[in-house]
Amino acid sequence: MLTVEKIGGTSMTKFHDVLQNIIIGNRSDLDFYKRVFVVSAYGGVTNWLLEHKKTGEPGVYEMFVRHDSYIKELHNVLSRLLDLNRTFKDLNLNLDLADNFITNRIVQAKNYLNSLADVLATGYVNQHNILLAAREILASIGEAHSAYNTVNILENNGINATLIDLCGFNDSEYLSIDERIKKSFRGIDYSKTIPIVTGYTKGTEGIMREFDRGYSEVTFSKIAVELKADEAVIHKEFHLSSADPNIVGLEKSIPVGLTNYNVADQLADIGMEAIHPKASKPLEMANINIRIKSTFEPEHPGTVISKNYIGEKSRVEIISGTDKVVAIEVHDPSMVGEVGFDLKIMEIFKQFKISYILKSTNANSITQVIWEKDLDQGLVRILEDNFQEITIKKVAILCALGTNIAQPGIIARATDALARHEINIESLSQSLKQVNMQFVIPRDRYRDGVIALNDALCVRK
């Protein structure tokens, strides 16, 4: 049995636990190898190299875009990476080798960035493509750092490991992502070594251009499909659970156990990715199950995401959502009975490349919920010019998800739970598939809403 396993950035930072719980674990000699590990950068490193994923605080890339002191910032990042190396000294990381590796990689990156800056200064080239190249170069550094360190630690602890560096820093081969992956895995004997693979893959199409910060999961997915893995495993800080443990508490955050790809897609649509949707589709099509495990509870089987799973008993599996959305309501008396009226609205949204998360309608109104970051004042002006009344409101969206939630009274239980907490439902939606009940509520009641629905629909009494 061959598994391809991805280790997330938060877990990588706590590599002492990764080594003991995931790589060594309670394994026999027979099943110790036959595993491929795709590693993310250590927690926070990609934020330093690009920009902070949540706050937008600038990293090296943003400094490069602004023609600011990006070289100084790159050296600051190097200093932090060298400090990170010291946290693994007790795991037998060879500090001289590790420091030399990441120092050389940073020097190479600096030279590449300086060359790109010189080309940009000529004004002869497309700025967009040059900036994308800079983003690719910087993104690759974090994964190369963590992968190299991992191999060094494993080898120094008596475990055969092979570094597969997909970053392509030292070659000029014109390969697609799939071609580079296929070439890199030729001749590997999985019964005798553990391949440690960078989550970043260099390719002619540009993995950042296609997938941006979801690139490591795409690499993981493509490798699993290429190697025809028996299972794809993702190790995270927490289990895939009934609700965010940071909101409802660990004792009421129940591991899901079993779910399907449809539910995973629903989660991705609201930004709570079990796996990036563009990474999950190839796995789903190849009929490879995903197992999501907690790094810090290695004996727990985790949650398996499969193609055809439907729960035997009707139940809500996950409560999720976001408070980073806005509702846009178009009200116009002329829409009643008019065929294709909503098409006019969608054409405007398409013009601004905006996709909605939820849509609900009545005779005279259409409400759509979108990410607040996508709200464009140009969009608002065009809507106001074309329709009678436009209302925009900052809201939150709550979702109750499951593979089998089609039961009488389930919506009543959800709405009753919110009502008992005096949380008003401002809009709601559910399709015929009945895998996702969506409730739009006041933004300041989001955390209360998650707790209310988790207690009413998921926590075993």
Protein backbone atom coordinates (compact mmCIF):
# COMPACT_ATOMS: atom_id res chain seq x y z
CA MET A 1 0.00 0.00 0.00
CA LEU A 2 1.44 3.38 -1.05
CA THR A 3 0.21 6.58 0.55
CA VAL A 4 0.97 10.17 -0.42
CA GLU A 5 0.81 12.39 2.65
CA LYS A 6 0.86 16.18 3.04
CA ILE A 7 2.06 17.90 6.20
CA GLY A 8 0.73 21.40 6.80
CA GLY A 9 2.82 24.40 7.83
CA THR A 10 1.66 24.58 11.45
CA SER A 11 2.52 20.92 11.91
CA MET A 12 5.92 21.33 10.20
CA THR A 13 6.86 24.03 12.72
CA LYS A 14 6.23 21.43 15.45
CA PHE A 15 8.45 18.89 13.73
CA HIS A 16 9.25 17.09 16.98
CA ASP A 17 5.62 15.89 16.95
CA VAL A 18 5.71 15.19 13.21
CA LEU A 19 8.76 12.97 13.61
CA GLN A 20 7.37 10.96 16.51
CA ASN A 21 3.66 10.88 15.61
CA ILE A 22 3.64 10.71 11.82
CA ILE A 23 6.95 9.51 10.43
CA ILE A 24 8.04 7.08 13.14
CA GLY A 25 4.77 6.28 14.94
CA ASN A 26 3.84 2.72 15.84
CA ARG A 27 4.84 1.17 12.52
CA SER A 28 6.27 -2.22 11.72
CA ASP A 29 9.23 -2.67 9.38
CA LEU A 30 6.82 -3.91 6.71
CA ASP A 31 4.87 -0.67 6.42
CA PHE A 32 7.47 1.87 7.53
CA TYR A 33 8.35 2.96 4.01
CA LYS A 34 5.94 3.08 1.05
CA ARG A 35 5.01 6.63 2.02
CA VAL A 36 5.63 9.88 0.18
CA PHE A 37 5.54 13.14 2.18
CA VAL A 38 4.75 16.48 0.56
CA VAL A 39 5.78 19.23 2.96
CA SER A 40 4.59 22.80 3.33
CA ALA A 41 6.83 25.65 4.42
CA TYR A 42 7.11 26.10 8.17
CA GLY A 43 4.21 28.08 9.62
CA GLY A 44 4.33 31.78 8.71
CA VAL A 45 7.26 31.51 6.27
CA THR A 46 5.18 31.97 3.09
CA ASN A 47 3.62 35.04 4.70
CA TRP A 48 7.12 36.49 5.17
CA LEU A 49 8.04 35.71 1.57
CA LEU A 50 4.83 36.95 -0.10
CA GLU A 51 2.33 38.73 2.12
CA HIS A 52 0.31 37.77 5.18
CA LYS A 53 -2.56 35.60 3.97
CA LYS A 54 -5.10 37.11 6.37
CA THR A 55 -3.91 40.63 7.22
CA GLY A 56 -2.20 41.52 3.94
CA GLU A 57 0.93 42.67 5.80
CA PRO A 58 3.63 42.97 3.10
CA GLY A 59 6.36 40.37 2.69
CA VAL A 60 9.30 40.32 0.29
CA TYR A 61 7.06 40.02 -2.77
CA GLU A 62 4.94 43.03 -1.87
CA MET A 63 8.11 45.03 -1.22
CA PHE A 64 9.39 44.00 -4.67
CA VAL A 65 6.12 45.10 -6.29
CA ARG A 66 6.38 48.50 -4.56
CA HIS A 67 10.06 48.91 -5.57
CA ASP A 68 10.78 49.09 -1.86
CA SER A 69 13.73 47.63 0.09
CA TYR A 70 13.00 44.01 -0.86
CA ILE A 71 16.64 42.90 -0.54
CA LYS A 72 16.74 44.04 3.08
CA GLU A 73 13.47 42.23 3.73
CA LEU A 74 14.83 39.08 2.06
CA HIS A 75 17.83 39.15 4.39
CA ASN A 76 15.44 39.58 7.34
CA VAL A 77 13.64 36.44 6.19
CA LEU A 78 16.96 34.57 5.95
CA SER A 79 17.74 35.53 9.54
CA ARG A 80 14.38 34.14 10.65
CA LEU A 81 14.93 30.92 8.71
CA LEU A 82 18.33 30.42 10.32
CA ASP A 83 16.68 30.93 13.72
CA LEU A 84 14.10 28.29 12.77
CA ASN A 85 16.90 25.86 12.00
CA ARG A 86 18.13 26.17 15.57
CA THR A 87 14.80 24.94 16.92
CA PHE A 88 15.54 21.54 15.34
CA LYS A 89 19.09 21.12 16.60
CA ASP A 90 18.01 18.56 19.21
CA LEU A 91 16.55 16.44 16.38
CA ASN A 92 20.06 16.08 14.93
CA LEU A 93 19.64 18.65 12.18
CA ASN A 94 23.11 19.38 10.80
CA LEU A 95 23.08 23.14 11.23
CA ASP A 96 26.09 23.81 8.99
CA LEU A 97 24.53 21.98 6.05
CA ALA A 98 21.03 23.35 6.69
CA ASP A 99 22.25 26.94 7.05
CA ASN A 100 24.36 26.69 3.90
CA PHE A 101 21.46 25.28 1.91
CA ILE A 102 18.96 28.01 2.76
CA THR A 103 21.60 30.78 2.55
CA ASN A 104 22.54 29.69 -0.97
CA ARG A 105 18.86 29.49 -1.95
CA ILE A 106 18.24 33.02 -0.69
CA VAL A 107 21.32 34.32 -2.54
CA GLN A 108 20.06 32.72 -5.75
CA ALA A 109 16.64 34.25 -5.21
CA LYS A 110 18.20 37.68 -4.63
CA ASN A 111 20.09 37.42 -7.92
CA TYR A 112 16.95 36.37 -9.77
CA LEU A 113 14.95 39.25 -8.27
CA ASN A 114 17.65 41.79 -9.11
CA SER A 115 17.65 40.55 -12.70
CA LEU A 116 13.86 40.78 -12.88
CA ALA A 117 14.00 44.31 -11.44
CA ASP A 118 16.51 45.32 -14.14
CA VAL A 119 14.27 43.89 -16.86
CA LEU A 120 11.25 45.69 -15.42
CA ALA A 121 13.16 48.97 -15.41
CA THR A 122 13.65 48.78 -19.19
CA GLY A 123 9.92 49.13 -19.79
CA TYR A 124 10.10 46.65 -22.68
CA VAL A 125 8.31 43.74 -21.01
CA ASN A 126 4.92 42.88 -19.62
CA GLN A 127 5.06 43.84 -15.93
CA HIS A 128 2.38 41.31 -14.96
CA ASN A 129 4.41 38.32 -16.15
CA ILE A 130 7.60 39.54 -14.46
CA LEU A 131 5.81 39.97 -11.16
CA LEU A 132 4.31 36.50 -11.44
CA ALA A 133 7.80 35.11 -11.97
CA ALA A 134 9.01 36.90 -8.83
CA ARG A 135 6.09 35.47 -6.87
CA GLU A 136 6.90 31.94 -8.07
CA ILE A 137 10.57 32.28 -7.12
CA LEU A 138 9.80 33.53 -3.62
CA ALA A 139 7.01 31.04 -2.94
CA SER A 140 9.31 28.09 -3.64
CA ILE A 141 11.87 29.02 -0.98
CA GLY A 142 9.81 28.00 2.06
CA GLU A 143 9.07 24.49 0.85
CA ALA A 144 12.68 23.90 -0.25
CA HIS A 145 13.83 24.93 3.24
CA SER A 146 11.48 22.61 5.13
CA ALA A 147 12.01 19.68 2.73
CA TYR A 148 15.80 19.87 2.94
CA ASN A 149 15.70 20.04 6.73
CA THR A 150 13.30 17.09 6.91
CA VAL A 151 15.56 14.84 4.84
CA ASN A 152 18.60 15.90 6.86
CA ILE A 153 16.84 15.12 10.16
CA LEU A 154 15.53 11.76 8.97
CA GLU A 155 18.90 10.63 7.61
CA ASN A 156 20.60 11.66 10.86
CA ASN A 157 18.04 9.58 12.77
CA GLY A 158 18.70 6.42 10.75
CA ILE A 159 15.75 6.74 8.35
CA ASN A 160 16.41 6.49 4.62
CA ALA A 161 14.97 9.58 2.93
CA THR A 162 15.22 11.12 -0.52
CA LEU A 163 14.83 14.83 -1.27
CA ILE A 164 12.66 15.52 -4.29
CA ASP A 165 13.05 19.24 -4.94
CA LEU A 166 10.40 20.21 -7.48
CA CYS A 167 11.33 23.92 -7.29
CA GLY A 168 13.63 23.71 -10.32
CA PHE A 169 15.93 26.41 -8.94
CA ASN A 170 19.03 24.96 -10.53
CA ASP A 171 17.71 23.95 -13.93
CA SER A 172 16.30 25.65 -17.00
CA GLU A 173 14.19 22.71 -18.17
CA TYR A 174 11.01 23.79 -19.89
CA LEU A 175 8.65 21.32 -18.20
CA SER A 176 4.99 21.48 -17.26
CA ILE A 177 4.06 20.76 -13.64
CA ASP A 178 2.90 17.25 -14.53
CA GLU A 179 6.05 16.56 -16.57
CA ARG A 180 8.34 17.67 -13.75
CA ILE A 181 6.52 15.49 -11.24
CA LYS A 182 6.61 12.46 -13.54
CA LYS A 183 10.33 12.87 -14.27
CA SER A 184 11.27 13.44 -10.62
CA PHE A 185 9.72 10.20 -9.41
CA ARG A 186 11.35 7.88 -11.94
CA GLY A 187 13.39 5.09 -10.38
CA ILE A 188 12.27 5.63 -6.77
CA ASP A 189 12.10 2.42 -4.72
CA TYR A 190 9.34 3.23 -2.23
CA SER A 191 10.10 0.12 -0.17
CA LYS A 192 13.54 1.43 0.77
CA THR A 193 13.27 5.21 1.11
CA ILE A 194 10.80 7.91 2.11
CA PRO A 195 10.64 10.64 -0.55
CA ILE A 196 10.30 14.13 0.97
CA VAL A 197 8.83 16.45 -1.65
CA THR A 198 8.57 20.23 -1.86
CA GLY A 199 4.99 21.48 -1.86
CA TYR A 200 5.96 23.93 -4.61
CA THR A 201 6.41 22.67 -8.19
CA LYS A 202 8.00 24.73 -10.95
CA GLY A 203 6.15 24.44 -14.25
CA THR A 204 5.68 26.30 -17.51
CA GLU A 205 2.09 27.17 -16.60
CA GLY A 206 3.11 28.66 -13.23
CA ILE A 207 1.59 26.96 -10.20
CA MET A 208 1.06 30.30 -8.41
CA ARG A 209 -0.61 31.75 -11.49
CA GLU A 210 -3.06 28.86 -11.53
CA PHE A 211 -3.61 28.15 -7.82
CA ASP A 212 -1.90 30.91 -5.78
CA ARG A 213 -1.60 29.94 -2.10
CA GLY A 214 -3.27 26.55 -2.67
CA TYR A 215 -0.27 25.31 -4.63
CA SER A 216 1.08 22.80 -2.09
CA GLU A 217 -2.21 20.88 -2.06
CA VAL A 218 -2.21 20.86 -5.86
CA THR A 219 1.30 19.37 -5.86
CA PHE A 220 0.14 16.79 -3.31
CA SER A 221 -2.90 15.90 -5.43
CA LYS A 222 -0.96 15.59 -8.68
CA ILE A 223 1.63 13.33 -7.05
CA ALA A 224 -1.06 11.08 -5.56
CA VAL A 225 -2.71 10.71 -8.97
CA GLU A 226 0.60 10.18 -10.79
CA LEU A 227 1.70 7.46 -8.35
CA LYS A 228 -1.80 5.90 -8.19
CA ALA A 229 -1.72 6.16 -4.41
CA ASP A 230 -3.95 3.91 -2.36
CA GLU A 231 -4.81 6.86 -0.16
CA ALA A 232 -4.02 10.58 0.09
CA VAL A 233 -3.46 11.74 3.68
CA ILE A 234 -3.44 15.33 4.98
CA HIS A 235 -1.97 16.00 8.42
CA LYS A 236 -3.34 19.16 10.05
CA GLU A 237 -3.25 20.86 13.41
CA PHE A 238 -6.88 19.85 14.11
CA HIS A 239 -9.25 17.14 12.97
CA LEU A 240 -11.87 17.93 10.35
CA SER A 241 -14.51 18.52 12.98
CA SER A 242 -18.14 19.42 13.48
CA ALA A 243 -17.12 23.04 14.16
CA ASP A 244 -14.06 25.22 14.67
CA PRO A 245 -12.56 24.20 18.04
CA ASN A 246 -11.38 27.77 18.54
CA ILE A 247 -15.05 28.79 18.62
CA VAL A 248 -16.93 25.91 20.24
CA GLY A 249 -14.10 24.40 22.31
CA LEU A 250 -12.25 21.12 21.81
CA GLU A 251 -14.73 19.13 23.89
CA LYS A 252 -17.60 20.06 21.56
CA SER A 253 -15.63 19.91 18.32
CA ILE A 254 -16.38 16.37 17.14
CA PRO A 255 -14.25 14.65 14.46
CA VAL A 256 -16.45 14.03 11.42
CA GLY A 257 -15.19 10.51 10.66
CA LEU A 258 -16.68 10.03 7.20
CA THR A 259 -17.89 12.45 4.52
CA ASN A 260 -17.75 12.92 0.76
CA TYR A 261 -16.22 15.20 -1.86
CA ASN A 262 -19.46 17.15 -2.28
CA VAL A 263 -19.32 18.30 1.34
CA ALA A 264 -15.61 19.14 0.91
CA ASP A 265 -16.56 21.36 -2.06
CA GLN A 266 -19.21 23.12 0.03
CA LEU A 267 -16.58 23.88 2.69
CA ALA A 268 -14.17 25.22 0.07
CA ASP A 269 -16.87 27.54 -1.26
CA ILE A 270 -16.95 29.36 2.08
CA GLY A 271 -13.17 29.40 2.49
CA MET A 272 -12.99 26.57 5.03
CA GLU A 273 -10.97 24.22 2.88
CA ALA A 274 -10.51 20.62 3.91
CA ILE A 275 -8.57 20.61 0.64
CA HIS A 276 -8.27 23.13 -2.20
CA PRO A 277 -11.12 22.38 -4.68
CA LYS A 278 -8.73 22.30 -7.64
CA ALA A 279 -6.68 19.74 -5.75
CA SER A 280 -9.62 17.58 -4.75
CA LYS A 281 -11.12 17.14 -8.23
CA PRO A 282 -8.26 15.03 -9.70
CA LEU A 283 -8.32 12.82 -6.59
CA GLU A 284 -12.08 12.43 -6.81
CA MET A 285 -11.88 11.53 -10.51
CA ALA A 286 -9.13 9.00 -9.79
CA ASN A 287 -11.27 7.54 -6.98
CA ILE A 288 -8.56 8.15 -4.38
CA ASN A 289 -9.86 8.75 -0.87
CA ILE A 290 -8.51 11.59 1.27
CA ARG A 291 -7.87 10.99 4.95
CA ILE A 292 -7.53 14.07 7.16
CA LYS A 293 -5.69 13.43 10.41
CA SER A 294 -4.60 15.45 13.41
CA THR A 295 -0.82 15.56 13.81
CA PHE A 296 -1.22 15.57 17.58
CA GLU A 297 -3.63 12.60 17.84
CA PRO A 298 -1.86 9.98 15.75
CA GLU A 299 -3.90 6.99 16.95
CA HIS A 300 -7.17 8.57 15.80
CA PRO A 301 -8.18 7.36 12.31
CA GLY A 302 -9.24 10.88 11.31
CA THR A 303 -11.83 11.63 8.64
CA VAL A 304 -12.08 9.91 5.28
CA ILE A 305 -13.42 11.89 2.31
CA SER A 306 -14.63 9.57 -0.44
CA LYS A 307 -16.52 9.88 -3.68
CA ASN A 308 -19.73 8.03 -2.90
CA TYR A 309 -20.13 8.06 0.88
CA ILE A 310 -23.64 8.81 2.13
CA GLY A 311 -24.30 8.60 5.86
CA GLU A 312 -26.58 5.72 6.86
CA LYS A 313 -28.25 7.88 9.47
CA SER A 314 -29.39 11.39 8.66
CA ARG A 315 -27.22 13.88 10.52
CA VAL A 316 -25.46 17.21 10.21
CA GLU A 317 -21.73 16.56 10.01
CA ILE A 318 -20.21 20.05 10.00
CA ILE A 319 -21.14 23.59 11.04
CA SER A 320 -19.05 26.20 9.29
CA GLY A 321 -19.25 29.62 7.69
CA THR A 322 -17.58 33.00 7.60
CA ASP A 323 -18.08 36.56 8.82
CA LYS A 324 -16.12 38.09 5.95
CA VAL A 325 -18.98 38.44 3.48
CA VAL A 326 -21.49 41.04 2.34
CA ALA A 327 -25.04 40.65 1.08
CA ILE A 328 -26.03 42.57 -2.05
CA GLU A 329 -29.76 42.80 -2.63
CA VAL A 330 -31.24 44.03 -5.90
CA HIS A 331 -34.85 45.12 -5.50
CA ASP A 332 -36.83 46.07 -8.58
CA PRO A 333 -40.62 45.72 -9.09
CA SER A 334 -40.09 45.20 -12.82
CA MET A 335 -38.40 41.81 -12.28
CA VAL A 336 -41.61 39.97 -11.41
CA GLY A 337 -42.44 37.58 -14.22
CA GLU A 338 -39.65 38.86 -16.47
CA VAL A 339 -37.71 35.98 -17.98
CA GLY A 340 -33.93 36.33 -17.62
CA PHE A 341 -33.99 39.33 -15.27
CA ASP A 342 -31.32 37.76 -13.06
CA LEU A 343 -29.12 37.27 -16.14
CA LYS A 344 -28.73 41.06 -16.31
CA ILE A 345 -27.39 41.03 -12.76
CA MET A 346 -25.06 38.09 -13.40
CA GLU A 347 -23.57 39.74 -16.47
CA ILE A 348 -22.54 42.69 -14.29
CA PHE A 349 -21.02 40.35 -11.69
CA LYS A 350 -19.17 38.51 -14.45
CA GLN A 351 -17.76 41.80 -15.73
CA PHE A 352 -16.09 42.27 -12.33
CA LYS A 353 -15.14 38.56 -12.06
CA ILE A 354 -17.19 38.12 -8.89
CA SER A 355 -18.75 34.80 -7.88
CA TYR A 356 -21.46 34.51 -5.27
CA ILE A 357 -21.63 32.08 -2.33
CA LEU A 358 -25.40 32.21 -1.75
CA LYS A 359 -28.34 33.36 -3.83
CA SER A 360 -31.96 33.72 -2.74
CA THR A 361 -34.89 35.30 -4.57
CA ASN A 362 -38.50 36.39 -4.34
CA ALA A 363 -40.82 38.17 -6.77
CA ASN A 364 -39.08 41.55 -6.59
CA SER A 365 -35.70 40.93 -4.94
CA ILE A 366 -32.54 38.93 -5.53
CA THR A 367 -29.98 38.63 -2.73
CA GLN A 368 -26.43 37.42 -3.34
CA VAL A 369 -23.72 36.94 -0.77
CA ILE A 370 -20.13 37.56 -1.89
CA TRP A 371 -16.74 37.90 -0.23
CA GLU A 372 -16.29 41.39 1.21
CA LYS A 373 -12.82 41.62 -0.35
CA ASP A 374 -14.46 41.26 -3.80
CA LEU A 375 -16.87 44.17 -3.28
CA ASP A 376 -16.06 46.78 -5.91
CA GLN A 377 -17.51 50.30 -5.89
CA GLY A 378 -17.61 50.17 -9.67
CA LEU A 379 -19.92 47.17 -9.39
CA VAL A 380 -22.14 49.06 -6.94
CA ARG A 381 -22.40 52.08 -9.23
CA ILE A 382 -23.43 49.98 -12.23
CA LEU A 383 -26.02 48.12 -10.17
CA GLU A 384 -27.43 51.41 -8.88
CA ASP A 385 -27.59 52.79 -12.44
CA ASN A 386 -29.52 49.79 -13.74
CA PHE A 387 -31.86 48.76 -10.94
CA GLN A 388 -34.29 50.60 -8.66
CA GLU A 389 -32.85 49.83 -5.22
CA ILE A 390 -29.52 48.32 -4.11
CA THR A 391 -28.88 47.32 -0.50
CA ILE A 392 -25.43 46.28 0.71
CA LYS A 393 -24.96 44.89 4.18
CA LYS A 394 -22.03 43.36 6.05
CA VAL A 395 -23.19 39.93 7.22
CA ALA A 396 -22.06 36.44 8.18
CA ILE A 397 -23.04 33.13 6.64
CA LEU A 398 -23.62 29.92 8.60
CA CYS A 399 -23.68 26.50 6.91
CA ALA A 400 -24.96 23.19 8.23
CA LEU A 401 -23.48 20.46 6.05
CA GLY A 402 -23.78 16.71 5.70
CA THR A 403 -23.96 13.87 3.22
CA ASN A 404 -27.45 12.95 4.47
CA ILE A 405 -29.38 15.81 6.04
CA ALA A 406 -32.64 15.30 4.14
CA GLN A 407 -34.94 14.76 7.11
CA PRO A 408 -38.20 16.42 8.17
CA GLY A 409 -37.65 19.12 10.76
CA ILE A 410 -33.92 19.65 10.30
CA ILE A 411 -34.35 23.25 9.14
CA ALA A 412 -36.84 23.80 11.97
CA ARG A 413 -34.26 22.59 14.51
CA ALA A 414 -31.65 24.92 13.03
CA THR A 415 -33.88 27.98 12.95
CA ASP A 416 -35.18 27.21 16.44
CA ALA A 417 -31.61 27.04 17.77
CA LEU A 418 -30.81 30.43 16.26
CA ALA A 419 -34.08 31.91 17.51
CA ARG A 420 -33.40 30.73 21.06
CA HIS A 421 -30.14 32.68 20.89
CA GLU A 422 -32.05 35.68 19.47
CA ILE A 423 -30.15 35.49 16.17
CA ASN A 424 -32.20 36.77 13.25
CA ILE A 425 -32.00 34.95 9.91
CA GLU A 426 -31.75 37.59 7.19
CA SER A 427 -31.69 35.20 4.23
CA LEU A 428 -31.40 31.46 3.66
CA SER A 429 -30.82 28.89 0.92
CA GLN A 430 -30.81 25.15 0.31
CA SER A 431 -30.69 23.20 -2.96
CA LEU A 432 -32.52 19.97 -3.79
CA LYS A 433 -29.37 17.96 -3.06
CA GLN A 434 -29.80 18.98 0.59
CA VAL A 435 -26.16 18.83 1.60
CA ASN A 436 -25.85 22.46 2.72
CA MET A 437 -28.28 24.67 4.63
CA GLN A 438 -27.09 28.29 4.45
CA PHE A 439 -28.22 31.02 6.83
CA VAL A 440 -27.33 34.71 6.50
CA ILE A 441 -27.17 36.34 9.93
CA PRO A 442 -25.88 39.59 11.48
CA ARG A 443 -22.10 39.64 11.34
CA ASP A 444 -21.62 40.29 15.05
CA ARG A 445 -23.53 37.08 15.91
CA TYR A 446 -21.38 34.72 13.85
CA ARG A 447 -19.56 32.98 16.70
CA ASP A 448 -22.82 32.68 18.68
CA GLY A 449 -24.47 31.16 15.62
CA VAL A 450 -21.75 28.52 15.16
CA ILE A 451 -22.05 27.52 18.82
CA ALA A 452 -25.86 27.42 18.64
CA LEU A 453 -25.99 25.19 15.55
CA ASN A 454 -23.19 22.91 16.71
CA ASP A 455 -24.93 22.36 20.06
CA ALA A 456 -28.33 21.76 18.45
CA LEU A 457 -27.33 19.64 15.46
CA CYS A 458 -23.96 17.98 16.11
CA VAL A 459 -23.18 17.53 19.80
CA ARG A 460 -24.36 14.17 21.09
CA LYS A 461 -26.72 14.63 24.00
